[in-house]
Amino acid sequence: NPILAQGLIDKPSYNSLLRFSGKYHQEPITDVQCASFTSREHANHWIELKHTGENDGAGVVRWGTDEQTRFRDRGGRPKDLASQALDLIETQGLLKISDRSKVPATSLKRLLNTPEIRAKLGLALEDGELKLIGPQTKVAKAVHYVVDQLMTGKVKTQHIYTKDDRLKYAKQLPSKIVVKQTLSKPKTLDHSPNPQPKKQNRKPASPSTPRTCLIPKNCVLHIQQTRIADISRELRTLRLEEHSNAVSVLARVFIELSVDVYIEKQGLPFGGQDRPKLRQKLLKVADDLVRRKQLQKPQTSGVRQACQKGAILSPNVDQLHDYVHNSHQFPSAHDLRALWDNFQPFLQAIWS
């Protein structure tokens, strides 16, 4: 459902999703070939084969160092130092999971294998496990500083290749980054998210039940015209499940009469057109309501989506026409509720 991504991704990507969605609805995917295993242990051979290289054609895509390490960790094998450090700054909110693959894990591991650098970062090493010798938040920030230098290319492999290079790097770490040892005994890293949310003993909200009529009881409309007010009352009383055809036609009439009243009241021009289409009228009124600051632009998104030609995943103007003129269009209560919910801020602004 691409509508859920609108506003969250750029316009070209959103348009691509719409095209792909259209293709999917024309030819839905109902079957996918797969291989089923009774346990992860039985599947491990094939998972590793797939991600550790082409393997003379048997494999597909090579995993990076971090992905390989996390896979081995699931099998009980210890993580390497780089993955432990990345886990730390990720759980502290300093690294996005999508950025882990951008970190030169081999270079990070080389730095963390150097005792002088670990000490400057507030870390110790015991039995292959990184441990804290300073406050975890400061340690995480120090590690993030090093990771950021590697990711941005400020520090490259040739800068830290030899032991002398790494000792020089340790000495050059800024004093504000260096973590002073405050713990007499190394402490295990805490991988719980930071900051920890405060526990709230709130009762979970009860699931909402779909309303039985089109217009909710709490929707206020100050309608002066008698016939339109009568239609509004009928849309508040007719049960959607029992009278979906009647409600769909009345909803279409109510929406168009409402925009007609607003257009006449505000004297909105249509370039000499005697009978502009409903889609044109809706967009003109939406723009005018935003211009008059009676609505914010995001509040008109439902109306604008409905006016898009070819929209298939949300109630739209073409459906409104079909409710009246197409004997093969069967309105559903769900679609009608969604239609009203998308239009409600717009209609309330018209009748405010």
Foldseek 3Di string as FASTA:
>chain_A
DLVVCPPVDDPVVSVVVLVVVVVCVVPPDDDDDDDDDPDVVVCVVLVCQQACDCVVPSHHHHDDLLVVQVSVVVVVDHHAPLNLLVLLLVLQVNDDPVCSRLFPSVQLSLLCVQVLQCQQLQWDADPRAIFGQADSVLSNQLSSVVRVCRSVVVDDCVQRVDNVSSVVVSVPRDPSNGTHGDHPDTHHRDSHHPPDDDDDPDDDDDDDDDDQFQDDPPQDFQDDDDVLVVLVVCRVPDGCQVPVLVNLLSVLVSLQVLLVVLCVVVVQDDPPDPDDDPLVSLVSLLVVCCVVVLDPNVLLVLSPLQSDPPDDPAHHPVLSVCSPVPPPRDDHSVRSNRNCVSCRSVSRSSRD
